[in-house]
Amino acid sequence: MSVPSVSTRAGLVEMATALAEGAVSARQLTEDALVRIQAAQHSLNAFRIVRAEAALAEADAADRRLAAGERLPLLGVPLAVKDDMDVAGEPTSFGCAGEFPPKSADSEAVRRLRAAGAVVLGKTQTPELGQWPFTEGPAFGDTRNPWNPDYTPGGSSGGSAAAVAAGLVPAALGSDGAGSVRIPAAWTHLVGVKPQRGRISTWPEPESFHGLTVNGVLARTVADAALLLDAAGGPDPGDLHRPPQVSAVEAARRTPRRLRIALSFGMAFTATAKSLDPVVRSAVERLAGRLEALGHEVVPEDPRYGPIGLTFTPRATAGVRDLASRVPDRALLDPRTREAVRTGRLLGGLPLRISRRAEGALHRRVGEIFGRFDVVLTPTTATPPLRIGALAGLGALDTDRAMIAACPYAWTWNVLGWPGINIPAGFTPDGLPLGAQLLGPGHSEPLLLSLAAQVEAEEAWGRHWPAGAGVGAGGLRGFRRAGQDSAGGFPPVSLSFRFGPARQGRSLRSRRFAMAFGHP
């Protein structure tokens, strides 16, 4: 007797529901996800580590719990996390080269995923210490955009974005220190939520990058993003920031009241050249028209950013300095990272303390706009996705200038610690995704999620997939019954692997994957 199939393009909510109803097993979902990862790894390079054996064991344990009648929000659902989060038994290299020791415990966000029943498939690629809006590096090669592999998926949560956009996993955790969830979400046609600082714990770090970086979620739908946000959210006793609890799932089901929305194309001062690509502006203006059609009032208005840029650099570079000190072989670090470390040493004293003290004044200055508006709508990036290698080989200063020119809109909300959501805004004439941000004041995730869900209902973002997404090598015929033989099932695995940069011809990572899955 066969088990009813679930689409290989199923989302998080659909998978969780199918598991709870007994329509599919956790092992089936995990097996098929591993097949898809195997098929896509050589072309997309989304994963740094795949926990094949461990994930299947977790899936089998989830099936036993489901059979016993247990129900949890994510019980049996296979997910991925960014490689800046600790997974017990695996190293956390955060995009760096070298040999890192395995961690003895899960980070709090991963622990909460497990507590909700999730199966952790593996850890996704990120650039070195999460510094750049591209996911490339000598430690692992280039992570590519499922919509066009000549382009980056963005960064620094580029591996998570590529994995979700390609249908390898239904959703994933990322982190956002200057747009690192929202930028890749924009460039891969995803919903990307940067929540309020502290909403998802950064423990074992009391805060990350001196308060700039928060953990966030990437998914294909608002409902999926909300479900993952609720599951991963919550504090550790050691966290410095502990916002009041919200229900993202309930918020995503509510229709928002009529809102006053500020349409902003202004950029915070950075003393560097930057301009908005007309195709991006047109996409955001089209979304503004959609919001008006939904009954909201949209008015051109920019936040008063003032000197916010002066407070970002000390916090960012001091954060790089802190993390670089833990790298086993610092000689392997990118020269740009070493330059950031030097800057962090210079700015990590009094300038850093002044930057932190300035946050309250910035809240008042920038937050003034929320006395007149409910939400701010901006582009997520100033340009469409960059080509792979566009910033390779540049020095530190030129890299900074190039990434500010491409991504001048997201980082300000990291300084403030407030929530923002990327929503898909359309495509370039060449079919590359574009995004827009919904930005709110402190603790405004419920409002932003309800508005995003309302727009999604009209825009139907989920209709659009990159070619071949959600399909493994040779195509998948839906989810298989657990226990099928190698003619239609999944051979046993016994390894967890770590992927390095591509080699000539067939990549080393591809060969390791094939061998582990029983295909020499």
Protein backbone atom coordinates (compact mmCIF):
# COMPACT_ATOMS: atom_id res chain seq x y z
CA MET A 1 0.00 0.00 0.00
CA SER A 2 1.57 3.28 -1.08
CA VAL A 3 1.63 6.47 0.90
CA PRO A 4 0.06 9.51 -0.80
CA SER A 5 2.77 11.63 -2.36
CA VAL A 6 3.61 15.20 -1.46
CA SER A 7 4.87 17.58 -4.12
CA THR A 8 8.64 17.90 -4.33
CA ARG A 9 7.99 21.65 -4.25
CA ALA A 10 6.09 21.48 -0.96
CA GLY A 11 6.67 24.29 1.49
CA LEU A 12 7.27 24.17 5.21
CA VAL A 13 3.63 24.39 6.25
CA GLU A 14 2.60 21.78 3.67
CA MET A 15 5.33 19.36 4.78
CA ALA A 16 4.52 19.78 8.47
CA THR A 17 0.83 19.20 7.78
CA ALA A 18 1.47 16.13 5.63
CA LEU A 19 3.69 14.64 8.34
CA ALA A 20 1.11 15.25 11.06
CA GLU A 21 -1.60 13.65 8.91
CA GLY A 22 0.52 10.61 8.09
CA ALA A 23 0.55 11.43 4.37
CA VAL A 24 4.34 11.20 4.21
CA SER A 25 7.17 10.05 6.46
CA ALA A 26 10.06 12.10 7.77
CA ARG A 27 12.44 9.60 6.22
CA GLN A 28 10.86 10.09 2.79
CA LEU A 29 11.20 13.85 3.05
CA THR A 30 14.78 13.60 4.29
CA GLU A 31 15.82 11.06 1.65
CA ASP A 32 14.40 13.17 -1.14
CA ALA A 33 16.00 16.34 0.21
CA LEU A 34 19.37 14.58 0.27
CA VAL A 35 18.87 13.44 -3.32
CA ARG A 36 18.13 17.01 -4.37
CA ILE A 37 21.14 18.34 -2.49
CA GLN A 38 23.35 15.74 -4.16
CA ALA A 39 22.04 16.67 -7.59
CA ALA A 40 22.51 20.40 -7.06
CA GLN A 41 25.73 20.58 -5.06
CA HIS A 42 28.08 20.66 -8.04
CA SER A 43 26.13 23.40 -9.82
CA LEU A 44 24.91 25.52 -6.86
CA ASN A 45 27.31 24.69 -4.01
CA ALA A 46 24.74 25.63 -1.37
CA PHE A 47 26.00 23.40 1.45
CA ARG A 48 29.25 23.38 3.41
CA ILE A 49 28.27 20.32 5.47
CA VAL A 50 25.62 17.66 4.82
CA ARG A 51 24.72 15.47 7.80
CA ALA A 52 23.39 12.56 5.74
CA GLU A 53 23.63 9.74 8.30
CA ALA A 54 22.68 11.93 11.25
CA ALA A 55 19.74 13.48 9.39
CA LEU A 56 18.33 10.08 8.44
CA ALA A 57 18.65 8.94 12.04
CA GLU A 58 16.82 12.06 13.19
CA ALA A 59 14.13 11.44 10.57
CA ASP A 60 13.64 7.84 11.75
CA ALA A 61 13.33 9.07 15.33
CA ALA A 62 10.76 11.65 14.20
CA ASP A 63 8.74 8.94 12.47
CA ARG A 64 8.65 6.90 15.66
CA ARG A 65 7.42 9.94 17.58
CA LEU A 66 4.78 10.67 14.95
CA ALA A 67 3.61 7.06 15.03
CA ALA A 68 3.27 7.34 18.82
CA GLY A 69 0.94 10.31 18.39
CA GLU A 70 3.35 13.12 19.23
CA ARG A 71 2.83 16.39 17.37
CA LEU A 72 5.21 19.35 17.23
CA PRO A 73 5.31 22.33 14.83
CA LEU A 74 8.19 20.96 12.71
CA LEU A 75 8.29 17.30 13.70
CA GLY A 76 10.09 15.46 10.90
CA VAL A 77 10.59 18.44 8.57
CA PRO A 78 14.11 18.64 7.03
CA LEU A 79 15.73 22.09 7.25
CA ALA A 80 19.13 23.74 6.88
CA VAL A 81 21.03 26.30 8.95
CA LYS A 82 23.77 28.73 8.02
CA ASP A 83 27.34 27.81 8.87
CA ASP A 84 27.63 30.49 11.53
CA MET A 85 25.36 28.48 13.84
CA ASP A 86 26.61 25.62 15.98
CA VAL A 87 25.37 22.10 15.34
CA ALA A 88 26.60 19.57 17.87
CA GLY A 89 29.25 17.30 16.39
CA GLU A 90 29.99 19.61 13.43
CA PRO A 91 32.52 22.42 12.99
CA THR A 92 31.41 26.03 12.58
CA SER A 93 33.84 27.54 10.09
CA PHE A 94 31.75 30.61 9.14
CA GLY A 95 33.09 30.60 5.59
CA CYS A 96 36.73 30.32 6.63
CA ALA A 97 39.43 27.91 5.47
CA GLY A 98 41.19 25.63 7.92
CA GLU A 99 40.34 22.84 10.32
CA PHE A 100 37.77 23.81 12.94
CA PRO A 101 36.93 21.55 15.89
CA PRO A 102 33.44 20.06 16.15
CA LYS A 103 31.08 21.85 18.49
CA SER A 104 29.95 20.13 21.66
CA ALA A 105 26.46 21.65 21.70
CA ASP A 106 23.86 23.24 19.45
CA SER A 107 23.47 26.99 19.37
CA GLU A 108 20.20 28.12 20.96
CA ALA A 109 18.49 28.70 17.61
CA VAL A 110 19.36 25.17 16.46
CA ARG A 111 18.34 23.74 19.82
CA ARG A 112 14.93 25.36 19.42
CA LEU A 113 14.57 23.93 15.90
CA ARG A 114 15.25 20.48 17.30
CA ALA A 115 12.81 21.10 20.16
CA ALA A 116 10.18 21.84 17.51
CA GLY A 117 11.01 18.49 15.87
CA ALA A 118 13.06 19.59 12.85
CA VAL A 119 15.60 17.38 11.09
CA VAL A 120 18.84 19.31 10.54
CA LEU A 121 20.14 18.34 7.09
CA GLY A 122 23.29 20.40 7.17
CA LYS A 123 25.00 23.77 7.20
CA THR A 124 24.90 26.21 4.30
CA GLN A 125 27.64 28.29 2.73
CA THR A 126 28.53 31.82 3.79
CA PRO A 127 31.40 34.13 2.85
CA GLU A 128 34.25 34.59 5.28
CA LEU A 129 32.83 35.75 8.62
CA GLY A 130 29.67 36.86 6.81
CA GLN A 131 31.16 40.10 5.57
CA TRP A 132 30.00 40.42 1.97
CA PRO A 133 26.83 40.37 -0.18
CA PHE A 134 28.16 37.47 -2.22
CA THR A 135 28.90 33.88 -1.17
CA GLU A 136 32.30 33.07 -2.61
CA GLY A 137 35.66 32.20 -1.13
CA PRO A 138 38.76 30.01 -1.42
CA ALA A 139 37.55 27.80 1.44
CA PHE A 140 34.58 26.45 -0.54
CA GLY A 141 34.34 27.99 -4.02
CA ASP A 142 31.37 29.90 -5.43
CA THR A 143 27.75 29.52 -4.38
CA ARG A 144 25.52 30.24 -7.37
CA ASN A 145 22.05 31.60 -7.93
CA PRO A 146 19.43 29.00 -8.95
CA TRP A 147 17.81 31.57 -11.24
CA ASN A 148 21.02 31.96 -13.24
CA PRO A 149 24.27 30.28 -12.13
CA ASP A 150 26.36 33.08 -13.62
CA TYR A 151 25.11 35.29 -10.79
CA THR A 152 25.49 35.30 -7.02
CA PRO A 153 22.53 34.49 -4.75
CA GLY A 154 23.83 37.29 -2.55
CA GLY A 155 25.21 37.02 0.93
CA SER A 156 26.06 36.43 3.46
CA SER A 157 23.22 33.90 3.85
CA GLY A 158 23.70 32.93 0.19
CA GLY A 159 23.87 29.20 0.79
CA SER A 160 20.59 29.18 2.69
CA ALA A 161 18.95 31.33 0.00
CA ALA A 162 20.20 29.12 -2.84
CA ALA A 163 19.02 25.98 -1.02
CA VAL A 164 15.51 27.34 -0.45
CA ALA A 165 15.13 28.95 -3.87
CA ALA A 166 16.21 25.73 -5.59
CA GLY A 167 13.77 23.65 -3.54
CA LEU A 168 16.49 21.68 -1.76
CA VAL A 169 14.86 22.55 1.56
CA PRO A 170 11.53 24.24 2.31
CA ALA A 171 13.11 26.91 4.53
CA ALA A 172 16.38 27.72 6.28
CA LEU A 173 17.92 29.85 8.98
CA GLY A 174 20.32 32.63 8.08
CA SER A 175 21.75 35.67 9.82
CA ASP A 176 21.56 39.36 8.98
CA GLY A 177 24.23 41.87 10.00
CA ALA A 178 23.91 44.36 7.12
CA GLY A 179 21.14 42.79 5.07
CA SER A 180 22.54 39.26 4.97
CA VAL A 181 19.09 37.63 5.02
CA ARG A 182 17.22 40.29 3.07
CA ILE A 183 19.77 40.75 0.25
CA PRO A 184 19.94 37.07 -0.75
CA ALA A 185 16.18 36.80 -0.34
CA ALA A 186 15.78 39.69 -2.79
CA TRP A 187 18.16 38.14 -5.31
CA THR A 188 16.55 34.66 -5.15
CA HIS A 189 12.80 35.51 -5.02
CA LEU A 190 12.27 34.63 -1.36
CA VAL A 191 10.69 36.01 1.77
CA GLY A 192 13.51 36.97 4.11
CA VAL A 193 12.79 38.09 7.67
CA LYS A 194 15.28 40.08 9.72
CA PRO A 195 13.49 40.06 13.07
CA GLN A 196 13.85 42.35 16.05
CA ARG A 197 17.26 42.05 17.70
CA GLY A 198 17.06 39.14 20.13
CA ARG A 199 13.93 37.59 18.61
CA ILE A 200 15.98 34.53 17.60
CA SER A 201 18.78 33.94 20.08
CA THR A 202 22.39 34.30 18.96
CA TRP A 203 23.62 32.28 21.93
CA PRO A 204 26.37 31.15 22.62
CA GLU A 205 27.03 34.78 21.69
CA PRO A 206 25.13 37.14 24.05
CA GLU A 207 24.83 39.36 20.97
CA SER A 208 26.51 39.14 17.55
CA PHE A 209 28.72 41.77 15.93
CA HIS A 210 28.06 44.16 18.79
CA GLY A 211 24.33 44.04 18.19
CA LEU A 212 24.34 44.42 14.40
CA THR A 213 23.69 40.78 13.51
CA VAL A 214 20.50 38.88 14.20
CA ASN A 215 19.39 35.42 13.17
CA GLY A 216 16.58 35.32 10.64
CA VAL A 217 14.63 33.08 8.29
CA LEU A 218 14.37 32.48 4.54
CA ALA A 219 11.35 30.80 2.96
CA ARG A 220 9.25 30.85 -0.17
CA THR A 221 6.06 32.07 1.51
CA VAL A 222 5.14 34.34 4.39
CA ALA A 223 3.36 31.49 6.17
CA ASP A 224 6.48 29.31 5.95
CA ALA A 225 8.68 32.14 7.20
CA ALA A 226 6.31 32.80 10.10
CA LEU A 227 6.25 29.14 11.12
CA LEU A 228 10.05 28.95 11.15
CA LEU A 229 10.34 32.27 13.00
CA ASP A 230 8.04 31.05 15.77
CA ALA A 231 9.87 27.72 16.03
CA ALA A 232 13.37 29.22 16.17
CA GLY A 233 12.44 32.27 18.23
CA GLY A 234 12.93 32.71 21.93
CA PRO A 235 15.72 33.76 24.28
CA ASP A 236 18.54 32.01 26.05
CA PRO A 237 19.11 33.16 29.65
CA GLY A 238 22.45 34.60 28.55
CA ASP A 239 21.07 36.80 25.77
CA LEU A 240 21.54 40.55 26.10
CA HIS A 241 18.35 41.28 24.14
CA ARG A 242 15.02 39.69 25.08
CA PRO A 243 12.09 41.19 23.14
CA PRO A 244 8.53 40.36 24.19
CA GLN A 245 7.08 37.24 22.58
CA VAL A 246 4.98 37.54 19.43
CA SER A 247 3.11 35.00 17.33
CA ALA A 248 4.34 35.26 13.77
CA VAL A 249 1.97 32.54 12.56
CA GLU A 250 -1.09 34.36 13.90
CA ALA A 251 0.13 37.67 12.46
CA ALA A 252 0.57 36.17 9.00
CA ARG A 253 -3.10 35.10 9.05
CA ARG A 254 -4.43 38.56 9.88
CA THR A 255 -5.43 41.21 7.36
CA PRO A 256 -3.80 44.51 8.26
CA ARG A 257 -5.80 47.68 8.77
CA ARG A 258 -5.41 50.49 6.26
CA LEU A 259 -1.83 51.66 6.64
CA ARG A 260 0.13 54.79 5.85
CA ILE A 261 3.30 53.70 4.05
CA ALA A 262 6.36 55.83 3.31
CA LEU A 263 7.89 55.07 -0.09
CA SER A 264 11.60 55.78 0.30
CA PHE A 265 14.39 55.73 -2.26
CA GLY A 266 16.77 57.86 -0.20
CA MET A 267 20.03 56.34 1.00
CA ALA A 268 21.92 56.98 4.22
CA PHE A 269 25.13 58.97 3.84
CA THR A 270 28.25 56.83 3.35
CA ALA A 271 30.67 59.15 1.50
CA THR A 272 30.73 56.64 -1.36
CA ALA A 273 29.16 56.70 -4.82
CA LYS A 274 25.87 54.88 -5.23
CA SER A 275 22.76 55.12 -7.40
CA LEU A 276 19.53 53.23 -7.83
CA ASP A 277 19.19 51.05 -10.92
CA PRO A 278 16.06 52.11 -12.86
CA VAL A 279 14.83 48.52 -13.12
CA VAL A 280 14.88 48.21 -9.33
CA ARG A 281 13.10 51.54 -8.90
CA SER A 282 10.39 50.49 -11.34
CA ALA A 283 9.86 47.20 -9.50
CA VAL A 284 9.46 48.93 -6.14
CA GLU A 285 7.14 51.56 -7.63
CA ARG A 286 5.00 48.76 -9.05
CA LEU A 287 4.76 47.25 -5.56
CA ALA A 288 3.80 50.64 -4.17
CA GLY A 289 0.96 50.67 -6.68
CA ARG A 290 -0.11 47.25 -5.48
CA LEU A 291 -0.21 48.50 -1.91
CA GLU A 292 -2.36 51.44 -2.97
CA ALA A 293 -4.70 49.06 -4.81
CA LEU A 294 -5.04 47.14 -1.54
CA GLY A 295 -6.32 50.30 0.11
CA HIS A 296 -3.18 51.62 1.79
CA GLU A 297 -1.94 55.18 1.52
CA VAL A 298 1.55 55.40 0.00
CA VAL A 299 3.45 58.69 0.26
CA PRO A 300 7.02 59.50 -0.84
CA GLU A 301 9.08 60.17 2.30
CA ASP A 302 12.59 59.29 3.50
CA PRO A 303 13.70 58.51 7.06
CA ARG A 304 16.09 61.03 8.60
CA TYR A 305 19.14 58.80 8.81
CA GLY A 306 21.63 61.50 9.81
CA PRO A 307 25.11 60.22 10.82
CA ILE A 308 24.03 56.59 11.20
CA GLY A 309 26.87 55.40 8.96
CA LEU A 310 29.48 56.57 11.46
CA THR A 311 28.12 54.11 14.02
CA PHE A 312 28.14 51.08 11.74
CA THR A 313 31.83 50.66 10.93
CA PRO A 314 33.18 50.40 14.50
CA ARG A 315 30.63 47.73 15.36
CA ALA A 316 31.13 45.75 12.14
CA THR A 317 34.91 45.77 12.13
CA ALA A 318 35.15 45.06 15.86
CA GLY A 319 32.91 42.07 15.23
CA VAL A 320 35.23 40.81 12.50
CA ARG A 321 38.18 41.33 14.83
CA ASP A 322 36.49 39.28 17.56
CA LEU A 323 35.62 36.36 15.29
CA ALA A 324 38.93 36.34 13.44
CA SER A 325 40.73 35.83 16.75
CA ARG A 326 39.08 32.39 16.99
CA VAL A 327 40.11 31.16 13.53
CA PRO A 328 42.65 28.32 13.86
CA ASP A 329 44.93 29.54 11.04
CA ARG A 330 44.64 33.29 10.53
CA ALA A 331 47.17 33.15 7.71
CA LEU A 332 44.39 31.62 5.59
CA LEU A 333 42.09 34.63 6.01
CA ASP A 334 41.24 36.80 3.02
CA PRO A 335 43.42 39.94 2.88
CA ARG A 336 40.21 41.98 3.11
CA THR A 337 39.38 40.26 6.37
CA ARG A 338 42.81 41.03 7.77
CA GLU A 339 42.30 44.68 6.84
CA ALA A 340 38.93 44.67 8.62
CA VAL A 341 40.64 43.19 11.69
CA ARG A 342 43.17 46.04 11.69
CA THR A 343 40.35 48.57 11.44
CA GLY A 344 38.48 46.81 14.21
CA ARG A 345 41.49 47.14 16.48
CA LEU A 346 41.64 50.88 15.80
CA LEU A 347 37.91 51.47 16.29
CA GLY A 348 37.19 48.85 18.95
CA GLY A 349 37.72 51.14 21.93
CA LEU A 350 36.21 54.60 22.32
CA PRO A 351 34.66 54.75 18.80
CA LEU A 352 32.83 51.47 19.49
CA ARG A 353 31.53 52.71 22.84
CA ILE A 354 30.33 55.95 21.26
CA SER A 355 28.62 53.99 18.49
CA ARG A 356 26.67 51.94 20.99
CA ARG A 357 25.68 54.98 23.03
CA ALA A 358 24.41 56.70 19.87
CA GLU A 359 21.76 54.06 19.26
CA GLY A 360 19.13 55.72 21.43
CA ALA A 361 19.48 59.04 19.63
CA LEU A 362 19.30 57.27 16.27
CA HIS A 363 16.12 55.50 17.37
CA ARG A 364 14.57 58.86 18.06
CA ARG A 365 15.85 60.50 14.87
CA VAL A 366 15.03 57.71 12.43
CA GLY A 367 11.97 56.60 14.37
CA GLU A 368 10.39 60.02 13.97
CA ILE A 369 8.98 58.78 10.68
CA PHE A 370 6.81 56.26 12.54
CA GLY A 371 4.94 59.08 14.18
CA ARG A 372 3.54 59.79 10.71
CA PHE A 373 3.75 56.41 8.94
CA ASP A 374 3.22 52.79 9.88
CA VAL A 375 5.70 51.14 7.51
CA VAL A 376 8.58 52.22 5.25
CA LEU A 377 8.87 50.63 1.79
CA THR A 378 12.34 50.73 0.18
CA PRO A 379 14.33 48.72 -2.34
CA THR A 380 16.25 45.91 -0.69
CA THR A 381 19.21 46.45 -3.02
CA ALA A 382 20.12 49.21 -5.45
CA THR A 383 21.03 46.78 -8.23
CA PRO A 384 19.98 43.39 -9.56
CA PRO A 385 22.12 40.38 -8.56
CA LEU A 386 25.85 40.71 -9.19
CA ARG A 387 27.77 38.37 -11.44
CA ILE A 388 29.86 35.65 -9.83
CA GLY A 389 33.34 37.04 -9.24
CA ALA A 390 32.29 40.69 -9.62
CA LEU A 391 34.12 41.62 -6.42
CA ALA A 392 36.83 38.95 -6.54
CA GLY A 393 40.37 40.25 -6.38
CA LEU A 394 39.41 43.72 -5.19
CA GLY A 395 41.14 45.33 -2.25
CA ALA A 396 39.32 46.05 0.99
CA LEU A 397 38.37 49.64 0.15
CA ASP A 398 37.20 48.85 -3.38
CA THR A 399 35.17 45.90 -2.07
CA ASP A 400 33.51 48.14 0.50
CA ARG A 401 32.67 50.72 -2.16
CA ALA A 402 31.27 48.11 -4.54
CA MET A 403 29.07 46.42 -1.96
CA ILE A 404 27.75 49.74 -0.62
CA ALA A 405 26.89 50.72 -4.19
CA ALA A 406 24.96 47.49 -4.70
CA CYS A 407 23.42 47.25 -1.21
CA PRO A 408 22.95 50.67 0.42
CA TYR A 409 19.44 50.12 1.81
CA ALA A 410 19.53 47.25 4.29
CA TRP A 411 22.27 47.96 6.83
CA THR A 412 20.65 50.91 8.60
CA TRP A 413 18.04 48.67 10.22
CA ASN A 414 20.83 46.52 11.68
CA VAL A 415 22.20 49.56 13.51
CA LEU A 416 18.71 50.21 14.89
CA GLY A 417 17.96 46.57 15.70
CA TRP A 418 14.46 46.84 14.23
CA PRO A 419 12.64 44.29 12.04
CA GLY A 420 12.46 44.27 8.26
CA ILE A 421 11.16 41.83 5.67
CA ASN A 422 12.24 41.36 2.08
CA ILE A 423 9.40 40.50 -0.27
CA PRO A 424 9.76 39.60 -3.96
CA ALA A 425 9.29 42.63 -6.20
CA GLY A 426 9.53 41.05 -9.64
CA PHE A 427 12.23 40.27 -12.15
CA THR A 428 14.63 42.03 -14.49
CA PRO A 429 14.03 41.63 -18.25
CA ASP A 430 16.63 38.84 -18.08
CA GLY A 431 14.69 36.97 -15.38
CA LEU A 432 16.79 37.86 -12.32
CA PRO A 433 14.84 38.38 -9.07
CA LEU A 434 14.42 41.74 -7.37
CA GLY A 435 13.20 42.57 -3.87
CA ALA A 436 11.70 45.31 -1.72
CA GLN A 437 11.83 45.86 2.02
CA LEU A 438 9.00 46.44 4.45
CA LEU A 439 10.61 48.20 7.42
CA GLY A 440 9.04 48.89 10.77
CA PRO A 441 9.82 50.29 14.22
CA GLY A 442 10.84 48.14 17.16
CA HIS A 443 8.92 44.89 17.69
CA SER A 444 6.78 45.38 14.58
CA GLU A 445 7.14 41.90 13.05
CA PRO A 446 3.39 41.16 13.39
CA LEU A 447 2.45 44.22 11.35
CA LEU A 448 5.11 43.57 8.70
CA LEU A 449 4.16 39.90 8.37
CA SER A 450 0.45 40.65 8.01
CA LEU A 451 1.19 43.25 5.32
CA ALA A 452 3.59 40.91 3.51
CA ALA A 453 0.98 38.14 3.53
CA GLN A 454 -1.63 40.51 2.12
CA VAL A 455 0.67 41.47 -0.76
CA GLU A 456 1.61 37.83 -1.32
CA ALA A 457 -2.06 36.86 -1.73
CA GLU A 458 -2.27 39.25 -4.68
CA GLU A 459 1.19 38.70 -6.15
CA ALA A 460 1.27 34.87 -5.89
CA TRP A 461 5.05 34.72 -5.59
CA GLY A 462 5.02 30.95 -5.25
CA ARG A 463 4.06 30.48 -8.90
CA HIS A 464 7.59 31.36 -9.96
CA TRP A 465 10.42 28.85 -9.63
CA PRO A 466 13.86 28.70 -11.20
CA ALA A 467 14.22 26.05 -13.89
CA GLY A 468 14.68 22.57 -12.41
CA ALA A 469 14.01 23.65 -8.83
CA GLY A 470 12.84 20.94 -6.47
CA VAL A 471 13.94 18.16 -8.83
CA GLY A 472 16.86 15.83 -8.32
CA ALA A 473 19.13 14.28 -10.89
CA GLY A 474 17.03 12.72 -13.63
CA GLY A 475 13.86 14.12 -12.04
CA LEU A 476 11.90 12.96 -9.02
CA ARG A 477 8.52 11.32 -9.23
CA GLY A 478 7.22 12.66 -5.94
CA PHE A 479 8.03 11.34 -2.48
CA ARG A 480 8.67 7.61 -2.14
CA ARG A 481 7.50 5.21 0.49
CA ALA A 482 10.07 4.62 3.21
CA GLY A 483 11.96 1.35 2.85
CA GLN A 484 12.05 1.10 -0.94
CA ASP A 485 15.10 -0.60 -2.38
CA SER A 486 17.87 1.05 -4.40
CA ALA A 487 15.83 0.81 -7.62
CA GLY A 488 13.45 3.42 -6.32
CA GLY A 489 14.67 4.32 -2.86
CA PHE A 490 17.71 5.53 -1.02
CA PRO A 491 20.87 3.53 -0.29
CA PRO A 492 22.28 3.60 3.22
CA VAL A 493 24.71 6.36 4.11
CA SER A 494 27.34 6.51 6.81
CA LEU A 495 29.08 9.85 6.55
CA SER A 496 28.79 13.54 7.21
CA PHE A 497 30.87 15.58 4.79
CA ARG A 498 32.40 18.94 4.47
CA PHE A 499 32.77 20.52 1.05
CA GLY A 500 35.78 22.42 -0.22
CA PRO A 501 36.34 24.45 -3.39
CA ALA A 502 35.64 22.87 -6.78
CA ARG A 503 38.39 20.95 -8.55
CA GLN A 504 38.97 20.53 -12.25
CA GLY A 505 36.43 18.31 -13.96
CA ARG A 506 34.26 16.44 -11.53
CA SER A 507 34.52 18.26 -8.20
CA LEU A 508 35.86 16.66 -5.06
CA ARG A 509 32.63 17.51 -3.27
CA SER A 510 30.63 15.80 -6.03
CA ARG A 511 32.77 12.66 -5.80
CA ARG A 512 32.48 12.54 -2.01
CA PHE A 513 28.74 12.96 -2.23
CA ALA A 514 28.38 10.29 -4.92
CA MET A 515 30.51 7.81 -3.00
CA ALA A 516 28.55 8.40 0.19
CA PHE A 517 25.27 7.87 -1.61
CA GLY A 518 26.50 4.65 -3.16
CA HIS A 519 27.34 6.03 -6.62
CA PRO A 520 31.08 5.85 -7.47
